[in-house]
Amino acid sequence: MASFLTDIWSSVFEGGTNQSLLIATYSSFAALQTTLIGLLFATGSYHFVALNVICGGLWAAVAWFVKELEQVKRLEEEGDRLRKERERREKLKEGEEDEGKKEL
């Protein structure tokens, strides 16, 4: 539990998200949805239907945004890997050309 809270606190000062922050966010949305459904049955007010729809939409938007961030992160990592591979190949090619000039 202590590491969970520490992870959430440290995520405030870091870029991106971590698993603890996502668990806390989704748990908060689930608790809010549960509360709104309970209030809907307790009061019968249609306002809680609207609030439930808004909460569900916000939850879906946050989940979509997190998935997009993860996809961008994967693409950046793949780009870095390909860039390093290309640099390595260029260095090998330059080394081969230098050896060819020395032989002449």
PDB file of N, CA and C in Angstrom:
ATOM      1  N   MET A   1       0.820  -1.193   0.000  1.00  0.00           N
ATOM      2  CA  MET A   1       0.000   0.000   0.000  1.00  0.00           C
ATOM      3  C   MET A   1       0.861   1.252   0.000  1.00  0.00           C
ATOM      4  N   ALA A   2       1.960   1.209   0.753  1.00  0.00           N
ATOM      5  CA  ALA A   2       2.833   2.382   0.817  1.00  0.00           C
ATOM      6  C   ALA A   2       3.467   2.658  -0.541  1.00  0.00           C
ATOM      7  N   SER A   3       3.878   1.603  -1.233  1.00  0.00           N
ATOM      8  CA  SER A   3       4.492   1.812  -2.548  1.00  0.00           C
ATOM      9  C   SER A   3       3.452   2.313  -3.555  1.00  0.00           C
ATOM     10  N   PHE A   4       2.204   1.887  -3.402  1.00  0.00           N
ATOM     11  CA  PHE A   4       1.134   2.352  -4.282  1.00  0.00           C
ATOM     12  C   PHE A   4       0.966   3.860  -4.144  1.00  0.00           C
ATOM     13  N   LEU A   5       0.885   4.335  -2.903  1.00  0.00           N
ATOM     14  CA  LEU A   5       0.735   5.771  -2.666  1.00  0.00           C
ATOM     15  C   LEU A   5       1.982   6.537  -3.096  1.00  0.00           C
ATOM     16  N   THR A   6       3.143   5.954  -2.879  1.00  0.00           N
ATOM     17  CA  THR A   6       4.388   6.592  -3.304  1.00  0.00           C
ATOM     18  C   THR A   6       4.435   6.712  -4.823  1.00  0.00           C
ATOM     19  N   ASP A   7       4.001   5.671  -5.516  1.00  0.00           N
ATOM     20  CA  ASP A   7       3.968   5.710  -6.982  1.00  0.00           C
ATOM     21  C   ASP A   7       3.018   6.789  -7.486  1.00  0.00           C
ATOM     22  N   ILE A   8       1.870   6.907  -6.847  1.00  0.00           N
ATOM     23  CA  ILE A   8       0.911   7.938  -7.252  1.00  0.00           C
ATOM     24  C   ILE A   8       1.500   9.319  -7.016  1.00  0.00           C
ATOM     25  N   TRP A   9       2.119   9.510  -5.865  1.00  0.00           N
ATOM     26  CA  TRP A   9       2.705  10.815  -5.547  1.00  0.00           C
ATOM     27  C   TRP A   9       3.836  11.145  -6.517  1.00  0.00           C
ATOM     28  N   SER A  10       4.677  10.190  -6.831  1.00  0.00           N
ATOM     29  CA  SER A  10       5.800  10.449  -7.738  1.00  0.00           C
ATOM     30  C   SER A  10       5.323  10.686  -9.166  1.00  0.00           C
ATOM     31  N   SER A  11       4.180  10.138  -9.534  1.00  0.00           N
ATOM     32  CA  SER A  11       3.668  10.344 -10.892  1.00  0.00           C
ATOM     33  C   SER A  11       3.266  11.797 -11.127  1.00  0.00           C
ATOM     34  N   VAL A  12       3.014  12.531 -10.054  1.00  0.00           N
ATOM     35  CA  VAL A  12       2.686  13.951 -10.186  1.00  0.00           C
ATOM     36  C   VAL A  12       3.880  14.711 -10.760  1.00  0.00           C
ATOM     37  N   PHE A  13       5.085  14.291 -10.406  1.00  0.00           N
ATOM     38  CA  PHE A  13       6.289  15.008 -10.792  1.00  0.00           C
ATOM     39  C   PHE A  13       6.978  14.414 -12.017  1.00  0.00           C
ATOM     40  N   GLU A  14       6.429  13.364 -12.593  1.00  0.00           N
ATOM     41  CA  GLU A  14       7.005  12.706 -13.761  1.00  0.00           C
ATOM     42  C   GLU A  14       6.054  12.851 -14.943  1.00  0.00           C
ATOM     43  N   GLY A  15       6.614  12.767 -16.125  1.00  0.00           N
ATOM     44  CA  GLY A  15       5.789  12.794 -17.317  1.00  0.00           C
ATOM     45  C   GLY A  15       5.147  11.439 -17.560  1.00  0.00           C
ATOM     46  N   GLY A  16       4.007  11.436 -18.198  1.00  0.00           N
ATOM     47  CA  GLY A  16       3.349  10.174 -18.515  1.00  0.00           C
ATOM     48  C   GLY A  16       2.569   9.611 -17.344  1.00  0.00           C
ATOM     49  N   THR A  17       2.238   8.349 -17.459  1.00  0.00           N
ATOM     50  CA  THR A  17       1.462   7.681 -16.419  1.00  0.00           C
ATOM     51  C   THR A  17       2.205   6.442 -15.956  1.00  0.00           C
ATOM     52  N   ASN A  18       1.792   5.948 -14.810  1.00  0.00           N
ATOM     53  CA  ASN A  18       2.295   4.652 -14.356  1.00  0.00           C
ATOM     54  C   ASN A  18       1.089   3.802 -13.966  1.00  0.00           C
ATOM     55  N   GLN A  19       1.327   2.547 -13.704  1.00  0.00           N
ATOM     56  CA  GLN A  19       0.227   1.610 -13.445  1.00  0.00           C
ATOM     57  C   GLN A  19      -0.574   2.000 -12.205  1.00  0.00           C
ATOM     58  N   SER A  20       0.095   2.495 -11.173  1.00  0.00           N
ATOM     59  CA  SER A  20      -0.611   2.874  -9.941  1.00  0.00           C
ATOM     60  C   SER A  20      -1.574   4.028 -10.190  1.00  0.00           C
ATOM     61  N   LEU A  21      -1.149   4.983 -10.992  1.00  0.00           N
ATOM     62  CA  LEU A  21      -2.013   6.119 -11.303  1.00  0.00           C
ATOM     63  C   LEU A  21      -3.237   5.670 -12.097  1.00  0.00           C
ATOM     64  N   LEU A  22      -3.042   4.760 -13.033  1.00  0.00           N
ATOM     65  CA  LEU A  22      -4.177   4.261 -13.815  1.00  0.00           C
ATOM     66  C   LEU A  22      -5.157   3.490 -12.941  1.00  0.00           C
ATOM     67  N   ILE A  23      -4.644   2.679 -12.029  1.00  0.00           N
ATOM     68  CA  ILE A  23      -5.521   1.935 -11.113  1.00  0.00           C
ATOM     69  C   ILE A  23      -6.326   2.905 -10.259  1.00  0.00           C
ATOM     70  N   ALA A  24      -5.676   3.928  -9.728  1.00  0.00           N
ATOM     71  CA  ALA A  24      -6.375   4.913  -8.896  1.00  0.00           C
ATOM     72  C   ALA A  24      -7.422   5.675  -9.704  1.00  0.00           C
ATOM     73  N   THR A  25      -7.081   6.039 -10.931  1.00  0.00           N
ATOM     74  CA  THR A  25      -8.019   6.784 -11.776  1.00  0.00           C
ATOM     75  C   THR A  25      -9.244   5.944 -12.114  1.00  0.00           C
ATOM     76  N   TYR A  26      -9.020   4.722 -12.565  1.00  0.00           N
ATOM     77  CA  TYR A  26     -10.144   3.862 -12.934  1.00  0.00           C
ATOM     78  C   TYR A  26     -10.973   3.468 -11.716  1.00  0.00           C
ATOM     79  N   SER A  27     -10.342   3.290 -10.573  1.00  0.00           N
ATOM     80  CA  SER A  27     -11.084   2.989  -9.341  1.00  0.00           C
ATOM     81  C   SER A  27     -11.954   4.167  -8.932  1.00  0.00           C
ATOM     82  N   SER A  28     -11.438   5.374  -9.100  1.00  0.00           N
ATOM     83  CA  SER A  28     -12.221   6.572  -8.777  1.00  0.00           C
ATOM     84  C   SER A  28     -13.438   6.691  -9.682  1.00  0.00           C
ATOM     85  N   PHE A  29     -13.240   6.440 -10.973  1.00  0.00           N
ATOM     86  CA  PHE A  29     -14.379   6.484 -11.891  1.00  0.00           C
ATOM     87  C   PHE A  29     -15.404   5.407 -11.553  1.00  0.00           C
ATOM     88  N   ALA A  30     -14.952   4.216 -11.207  1.00  0.00           N
ATOM     89  CA  ALA A  30     -15.880   3.136 -10.844  1.00  0.00           C
ATOM     90  C   ALA A  30     -16.657   3.495  -9.584  1.00  0.00           C
ATOM     91  N   ALA A  31     -15.983   4.084  -8.602  1.00  0.00           N
ATOM     92  CA  ALA A  31     -16.664   4.492  -7.370  1.00  0.00           C
ATOM     93  C   ALA A  31     -17.686   5.592  -7.655  1.00  0.00           C
ATOM     94  N   LEU A  32     -17.330   6.534  -8.520  1.00  0.00           N
ATOM     95  CA  LEU A  32     -18.264   7.604  -8.875  1.00  0.00           C
ATOM     96  C   LEU A  32     -19.477   7.039  -9.610  1.00  0.00           C
ATOM     97  N   GLN A  33     -19.254   6.126 -10.546  1.00  0.00           N
ATOM     98  CA  GLN A  33     -20.377   5.511 -11.264  1.00  0.00           C
ATOM     99  C   GLN A  33     -21.298   4.768 -10.300  1.00  0.00           C
ATOM    100  N   THR A  34     -20.701   4.025  -9.376  1.00  0.00           N
ATOM    101  CA  THR A  34     -21.493   3.282  -8.389  1.00  0.00           C
ATOM    102  C   THR A  34     -22.324   4.228  -7.532  1.00  0.00           C
ATOM    103  N   THR A  35     -21.708   5.318  -7.097  1.00  0.00           N
ATOM    104  CA  THR A  35     -22.419   6.307  -6.282  1.00  0.00           C
ATOM    105  C   THR A  35     -23.570   6.932  -7.063  1.00  0.00           C
ATOM    106  N   LEU A  36     -23.315   7.299  -8.311  1.00  0.00           N
ATOM    107  CA  LEU A  36     -24.362   7.923  -9.115  1.00  0.00           C
ATOM    108  C   LEU A  36     -25.513   6.963  -9.392  1.00  0.00           C
ATOM    109  N   ILE A  37     -25.213   5.701  -9.625  1.00  0.00           N
ATOM    110  CA  ILE A  37     -26.276   4.710  -9.830  1.00  0.00           C
ATOM    111  C   ILE A  37     -27.083   4.534  -8.547  1.00  0.00           C
ATOM    112  N   GLY A  38     -26.397   4.491  -7.414  1.00  0.00           N
ATOM    113  CA  GLY A  38     -27.098   4.390  -6.128  1.00  0.00           C
ATOM    114  C   GLY A  38     -28.008   5.580  -5.888  1.00  0.00           C
ATOM    115  N   LEU A  39     -27.514   6.773  -6.198  1.00  0.00           N
ATOM    116  CA  LEU A  39     -28.333   7.973  -6.028  1.00  0.00           C
ATOM    117  C   LEU A  39     -29.503   7.996  -7.008  1.00  0.00           C
ATOM    118  N   LEU A  40     -29.303   7.461  -8.199  1.00  0.00           N
ATOM    119  CA  LEU A  40     -30.394   7.383  -9.164  1.00  0.00           C
ATOM    120  C   LEU A  40     -31.525   6.513  -8.622  1.00  0.00           C
ATOM    121  N   PHE A  41     -31.183   5.354  -8.067  1.00  0.00           N
ATOM    122  CA  PHE A  41     -32.214   4.474  -7.512  1.00  0.00           C
ATOM    123  C   PHE A  41     -32.826   5.046  -6.239  1.00  0.00           C
ATOM    124  N   ALA A  42     -32.021   5.742  -5.452  1.00  0.00           N
ATOM    125  CA  ALA A  42     -32.528   6.290  -4.192  1.00  0.00           C
ATOM    126  C   ALA A  42     -33.468   7.472  -4.418  1.00  0.00           C
ATOM    127  N   THR A  43     -33.142   8.329  -5.393  1.00  0.00           N
ATOM    128  CA  THR A  43     -33.932   9.543  -5.586  1.00  0.00           C
ATOM    129  C   THR A  43     -34.868   9.476  -6.783  1.00  0.00           C
ATOM    130  N   GLY A  44     -34.503   8.674  -7.786  1.00  0.00           N
ATOM    131  CA  GLY A  44     -35.319   8.608  -8.994  1.00  0.00           C
ATOM    132  C   GLY A  44     -35.172   9.841  -9.868  1.00  0.00           C
ATOM    133  N   SER A  45     -34.195  10.671  -9.603  1.00  0.00           N
ATOM    134  CA  SER A  45     -33.995  11.896 -10.363  1.00  0.00           C
ATOM    135  C   SER A  45     -33.266  11.597 -11.671  1.00  0.00           C
ATOM    136  N   TYR A  46     -33.787  12.133 -12.756  1.00  0.00           N
ATOM    137  CA  TYR A  46     -33.169  11.917 -14.060  1.00  0.00           C
ATOM    138  C   TYR A  46     -31.818  12.635 -14.184  1.00  0.00           C
ATOM    139  N   HIS A  47     -31.548  13.575 -13.276  1.00  0.00           N
ATOM    140  CA  HIS A  47     -30.264  14.276 -13.299  1.00  0.00           C
ATOM    141  C   HIS A  47     -29.096  13.296 -13.129  1.00  0.00           C
ATOM    142  N   PHE A  48     -29.324  12.254 -12.353  1.00  0.00           N
ATOM    143  CA  PHE A  48     -28.253  11.287 -12.120  1.00  0.00           C
ATOM    144  C   PHE A  48     -27.988  10.426 -13.359  1.00  0.00           C
ATOM    145  N   VAL A  49     -28.989  10.305 -14.222  1.00  0.00           N
ATOM    146  CA  VAL A  49     -28.758   9.618 -15.496  1.00  0.00           C
ATOM    147  C   VAL A  49     -27.793  10.450 -16.338  1.00  0.00           C
ATOM    148  N   ALA A  50     -28.053  11.754 -16.401  1.00  0.00           N
ATOM    149  CA  ALA A  50     -27.175  12.641 -17.167  1.00  0.00           C
ATOM    150  C   ALA A  50     -25.762  12.648 -16.584  1.00  0.00           C
ATOM    151  N   LEU A  51     -25.659  12.720 -15.265  1.00  0.00           N
ATOM    152  CA  LEU A  51     -24.341  12.704 -14.627  1.00  0.00           C
ATOM    153  C   LEU A  51     -23.619  11.383 -14.878  1.00  0.00           C
ATOM    154  N   ASN A  52     -24.374  10.293 -14.893  1.00  0.00           N
ATOM    155  CA  ASN A  52     -23.793   8.983 -15.169  1.00  0.00           C
ATOM    156  C   ASN A  52     -23.246   8.923 -16.594  1.00  0.00           C
ATOM    157  N   VAL A  53     -23.978   9.475 -17.547  1.00  0.00           N
ATOM    158  CA  VAL A  53     -23.522   9.502 -18.939  1.00  0.00           C
ATOM    159  C   VAL A  53     -22.268  10.362 -19.066  1.00  0.00           C
ATOM    160  N   ILE A  54     -22.256  11.503 -18.408  1.00  0.00           N
ATOM    161  CA  ILE A  54     -21.081  12.377 -18.442  1.00  0.00           C
ATOM    162  C   ILE A  54     -19.870  11.674 -17.839  1.00  0.00           C
ATOM    163  N   CYS A  55     -20.077  11.023 -16.709  1.00  0.00           N
ATOM    164  CA  CYS A  55     -18.986  10.299 -16.052  1.00  0.00           C
ATOM    165  C   CYS A  55     -18.467   9.172 -16.940  1.00  0.00           C
ATOM    166  N   GLY A  56     -19.363   8.428 -17.547  1.00  0.00           N
ATOM    167  CA  GLY A  56     -18.955   7.344 -18.445  1.00  0.00           C
ATOM    168  C   GLY A  56     -18.197   7.861 -19.656  1.00  0.00           C
ATOM    169  N   GLY A  57     -18.652   8.978 -20.197  1.00  0.00           N
ATOM    170  CA  GLY A  57     -17.953   9.575 -21.336  1.00  0.00           C
ATOM    171  C   GLY A  57     -16.562  10.056 -20.973  1.00  0.00           C
ATOM    172  N   LEU A  58     -16.446  10.661 -19.811  1.00  0.00           N
ATOM    173  CA  LEU A  58     -15.136  11.122 -19.357  1.00  0.00           C
ATOM    174  C   LEU A  58     -14.204   9.947 -19.104  1.00  0.00           C
ATOM    175  N   TRP A  59     -14.734   8.899 -18.510  1.00  0.00           N
ATOM    176  CA  TRP A  59     -13.941   7.691 -18.250  1.00  0.00           C
ATOM    177  C   TRP A  59     -13.433   7.101 -19.568  1.00  0.00           C
ATOM    178  N   ALA A  60     -14.321   7.018 -20.564  1.00  0.00           N
ATOM    179  CA  ALA A  60     -13.928   6.484 -21.871  1.00  0.00           C
ATOM    180  C   ALA A  60     -12.884   7.379 -22.540  1.00  0.00           C
ATOM    181  N   ALA A  61     -13.035   8.690 -22.405  1.00  0.00           N
ATOM    182  CA  ALA A  61     -12.075   9.615 -23.005  1.00  0.00           C
ATOM    183  C   ALA A  61     -10.696   9.481 -22.362  1.00  0.00           C
ATOM    184  N   VAL A  62     -10.668   9.333 -21.048  1.00  0.00           N
ATOM    185  CA  VAL A  62      -9.393   9.157 -20.349  1.00  0.00           C
ATOM    186  C   VAL A  62      -8.737   7.844 -20.771  1.00  0.00           C
ATOM    187  N   ALA A  63      -9.519   6.780 -20.861  1.00  0.00           N
ATOM    188  CA  ALA A  63      -8.975   5.480 -21.271  1.00  0.00           C
ATOM    189  C   ALA A  63      -8.431   5.552 -22.700  1.00  0.00           C
ATOM    190  N   TRP A  64      -9.145   6.219 -23.586  1.00  0.00           N
ATOM    191  CA  TRP A  64      -8.688   6.376 -24.961  1.00  0.00           C
ATOM    192  C   TRP A  64      -7.385   7.169 -25.007  1.00  0.00           C
ATOM    193  N   PHE A  65      -7.316   8.262 -24.242  1.00  0.00           N
ATOM    194  CA  PHE A  65      -6.128   9.110 -24.235  1.00  0.00           C
ATOM    195  C   PHE A  65      -4.911   8.345 -23.721  1.00  0.00           C
ATOM    196  N   VAL A  66      -5.098   7.548 -22.685  1.00  0.00           N
ATOM    197  CA  VAL A  66      -3.994   6.745 -22.145  1.00  0.00           C
ATOM    198  C   VAL A  66      -3.504   5.750 -23.193  1.00  0.00           C
ATOM    199  N   LYS A  67      -4.427   5.126 -23.914  1.00  0.00           N
ATOM    200  CA  LYS A  67      -4.024   4.188 -24.974  1.00  0.00           C
ATOM    201  C   LYS A  67      -3.251   4.905 -26.075  1.00  0.00           C
ATOM    202  N   GLU A  68      -3.677   6.105 -26.428  1.00  0.00           N
ATOM    203  CA  GLU A  68      -2.963   6.873 -27.446  1.00  0.00           C
ATOM    204  C   GLU A  68      -1.557   7.239 -26.971  1.00  0.00           C
ATOM    205  N   LEU A  69      -1.425   7.624 -25.711  1.00  0.00           N
ATOM    206  CA  LEU A  69      -0.100   7.933 -25.170  1.00  0.00           C
ATOM    207  C   LEU A  69       0.814   6.718 -25.214  1.00  0.00           C
ATOM    208  N   GLU A  70       0.278   5.559 -24.869  1.00  0.00           N
ATOM    209  CA  GLU A  70       1.079   4.331 -24.915  1.00  0.00           C
ATOM    210  C   GLU A  70       1.492   3.998 -26.344  1.00  0.00           C
ATOM    211  N   GLN A  71       0.601   4.228 -27.294  1.00  0.00           N
ATOM    212  CA  GLN A  71       0.927   3.954 -28.691  1.00  0.00           C
ATOM    213  C   GLN A  71       2.029   4.894 -29.179  1.00  0.00           C
ATOM    214  N   VAL A  72       1.948   6.167 -28.832  1.00  0.00           N
ATOM    215  CA  VAL A  72       2.982   7.125 -29.223  1.00  0.00           C
ATOM    216  C   VAL A  72       4.319   6.750 -28.596  1.00  0.00           C
ATOM    217  N   LYS A  73       4.284   6.321 -27.349  1.00  0.00           N
ATOM    218  CA  LYS A  73       5.522   5.913 -26.675  1.00  0.00           C
ATOM    219  C   LYS A  73       6.155   4.721 -27.392  1.00  0.00           C
ATOM    220  N   ARG A  74       5.343   3.745 -27.772  1.00  0.00           N
ATOM    221  CA  ARG A  74       5.865   2.583 -28.507  1.00  0.00           C
ATOM    222  C   ARG A  74       6.456   3.000 -29.855  1.00  0.00           C
ATOM    223  N   LEU A  75       5.775   3.918 -30.555  1.00  0.00           N
ATOM    224  CA  LEU A  75       6.282   4.381 -31.843  1.00  0.00           C
ATOM    225  C   LEU A  75       7.604   5.128 -31.689  1.00  0.00           C
ATOM    226  N   GLU A  76       7.725   5.938 -30.644  1.00  0.00           N
ATOM    227  CA  GLU A  76       8.978   6.649 -30.397  1.00  0.00           C
ATOM    228  C   GLU A  76      10.105   5.675 -30.081  1.00  0.00           C
ATOM    229  N   GLU A  77       9.811   4.661 -29.291  1.00  0.00           N
ATOM    230  CA  GLU A  77      10.831   3.661 -28.976  1.00  0.00           C
ATOM    231  C   GLU A  77      11.262   2.910 -30.233  1.00  0.00           C
ATOM    232  N   GLU A  78      10.314   2.584 -31.089  1.00  0.00           N
ATOM    233  CA  GLU A  78      10.638   1.902 -32.340  1.00  0.00           C
ATOM    234  C   GLU A  78      11.474   2.814 -33.238  1.00  0.00           C
ATOM    235  N   GLY A  79      11.126   4.101 -33.290  1.00  0.00           N
ATOM    236  CA  GLY A  79      11.905   5.056 -34.072  1.00  0.00           C
ATOM    237  C   GLY A  79      13.330   5.183 -33.556  1.00  0.00           C
ATOM    238  N   ASP A  80      13.491   5.229 -32.239  1.00  0.00           N
ATOM    239  CA  ASP A  80      14.833   5.289 -31.652  1.00  0.00           C
ATOM    240  C   ASP A  80      15.630   4.042 -31.994  1.00  0.00           C
ATOM    241  N   ARG A  81      14.989   2.887 -31.922  1.00  0.00           N
ATOM    242  CA  ARG A  81      15.671   1.635 -32.240  1.00  0.00           C
ATOM    243  C   ARG A  81      16.122   1.623 -33.696  1.00  0.00           C
ATOM    244  N   LEU A  82      15.241   2.051 -34.598  1.00  0.00           N
ATOM    245  CA  LEU A  82      15.589   2.073 -36.018  1.00  0.00           C
ATOM    246  C   LEU A  82      16.687   3.094 -36.312  1.00  0.00           C
ATOM    247  N   ARG A  83      16.635   4.243 -35.634  1.00  0.00           N
ATOM    248  CA  ARG A  83      17.658   5.269 -35.815  1.00  0.00           C
ATOM    249  C   ARG A  83      19.029   4.757 -35.392  1.00  0.00           C
ATOM    250  N   LYS A  84      19.082   4.069 -34.256  1.00  0.00           N
ATOM    251  CA  LYS A  84      20.349   3.510 -33.777  1.00  0.00           C
ATOM    252  C   LYS A  84      20.861   2.436 -34.727  1.00  0.00           C
ATOM    253  N   GLU A  85      19.960   1.625 -35.240  1.00  0.00           N
ATOM    254  CA  GLU A  85      20.349   0.577 -36.190  1.00  0.00           C
ATOM    255  C   GLU A  85      20.917   1.197 -37.467  1.00  0.00           C
ATOM    256  N   ARG A  86      20.288   2.249 -37.956  1.00  0.00           N
ATOM    257  CA  ARG A  86      20.774   2.920 -39.160  1.00  0.00           C
ATOM    258  C   ARG A  86      22.147   3.542 -38.922  1.00  0.00           C
ATOM    259  N   GLU A  87      22.347   4.185 -37.762  1.00  0.00           N
ATOM    260  CA  GLU A  87      23.653   4.760 -37.434  1.00  0.00           C
ATOM    261  C   GLU A  87      24.719   3.678 -37.357  1.00  0.00           C
ATOM    262  N   ARG A  88      24.368   2.539 -36.792  1.00  0.00           N
ATOM    263  CA  ARG A  88      25.319   1.439 -36.686  1.00  0.00           C
ATOM    264  C   ARG A  88      25.713   0.945 -38.078  1.00  0.00           C
ATOM    265  N   ARG A  89      24.726   0.820 -38.959  1.00  0.00           N
ATOM    266  CA  ARG A  89      25.008   0.370 -40.326  1.00  0.00           C
ATOM    267  C   ARG A  89      25.892   1.373 -41.070  1.00  0.00           C
ATOM    268  N   GLU A  90      25.612   2.669 -40.873  1.00  0.00           N
ATOM    269  CA  GLU A  90      26.419   3.692 -41.539  1.00  0.00           C
ATOM    270  C   GLU A  90      27.861   3.653 -41.056  1.00  0.00           C
ATOM    271  N   LYS A  91      28.061   3.439 -39.768  1.00  0.00           N
ATOM    272  CA  LYS A  91      29.423   3.341 -39.238  1.00  0.00           C
ATOM    273  C   LYS A  91      30.139   2.126 -39.807  1.00  0.00           C
ATOM    274  N   LEU A  92      29.431   1.004 -39.908  1.00  0.00           N
ATOM    275  CA  LEU A  92      30.036  -0.188 -40.500  1.00  0.00           C
ATOM    276  C   LEU A  92      30.392   0.049 -41.967  1.00  0.00           C
ATOM    277  N   LYS A  93      29.508   0.728 -42.679  1.00  0.00           N
ATOM    278  CA  LYS A  93      29.752   1.008 -44.088  1.00  0.00           C
ATOM    279  C   LYS A  93      30.948   1.936 -44.250  1.00  0.00           C
ATOM    280  N   GLU A  94      31.056   2.957 -43.407  1.00  0.00           N
ATOM    281  CA  GLU A  94      32.199   3.868 -43.452  1.00  0.00           C
ATOM    282  C   GLU A  94      33.487   3.126 -43.135  1.00  0.00           C
ATOM    283  N   GLY A  95      33.428   2.217 -42.182  1.00  0.00           N
ATOM    284  CA  GLY A  95      34.603   1.419 -41.834  1.00  0.00           C
ATOM    285  C   GLY A  95      35.051   0.555 -42.998  1.00  0.00           C
ATOM    286  N   GLU A  96      34.113  -0.018 -43.712  1.00  0.00           N
ATOM    287  CA  GLU A  96      34.447  -0.846 -44.877  1.00  0.00           C
ATOM    288  C   GLU A  96      35.047  -0.003 -45.992  1.00  0.00           C
ATOM    289  N   GLU A  97      34.525   1.215 -46.197  1.00  0.00           N
ATOM    290  CA  GLU A  97      35.061   2.102 -47.227  1.00  0.00           C
ATOM    291  C   GLU A  97      36.479   2.533 -46.883  1.00  0.00           C
ATOM    292  N   ASP A  98      36.738   2.825 -45.603  1.00  0.00           N
ATOM    293  CA  ASP A  98      38.080   3.210 -45.170  1.00  0.00           C
ATOM    294  C   ASP A  98      39.063   2.074 -45.393  1.00  0.00           C
ATOM    295  N   GLU A  99      38.648   0.848 -45.122  1.00  0.00           N
ATOM    296  CA  GLU A  99      39.517  -0.313 -45.340  1.00  0.00           C
ATOM    297  C   GLU A  99      39.801  -0.494 -46.829  1.00  0.00           C
ATOM    298  N   GLY A 100      38.833  -0.238 -47.669  1.00  0.00           N
ATOM    299  CA  GLY A 100      39.013  -0.354 -49.114  1.00  0.00           C
ATOM    300  C   GLY A 100      40.006   0.667 -49.639  1.00  0.00           C
ATOM    301  N   LYS A 101      39.989   1.882 -49.090  1.00  0.00           N
ATOM    302  CA  LYS A 101      40.930   2.922 -49.505  1.00  0.00           C
ATOM    303  C   LYS A 101      42.342   2.579 -49.063  1.00  0.00           C
ATOM    304  N   LYS A 102      42.469   1.973 -47.897  1.00  0.00           N
ATOM    305  CA  LYS A 102      43.793   1.607 -47.394  1.00  0.00           C
ATOM    306  C   LYS A 102      44.422   0.522 -48.258  1.00  0.00           C
ATOM    307  N   GLU A 103      43.618  -0.370 -48.785  1.00  0.00           N
ATOM    308  CA  GLU A 103      44.122  -1.464 -49.606  1.00  0.00           C
ATOM    309  C   GLU A 103      44.645  -0.963 -50.941  1.00  0.00           C
ATOM    310  N   LEU A 104      44.089   0.143 -51.449  1.00  0.00           N
ATOM    311  CA  LEU A 104      44.530   0.676 -52.740  1.00  0.00           C
ATOM    312  C   LEU A 104      45.853   1.309 -52.551  1.00  0.00           C
TER     313      LEU A 104
END
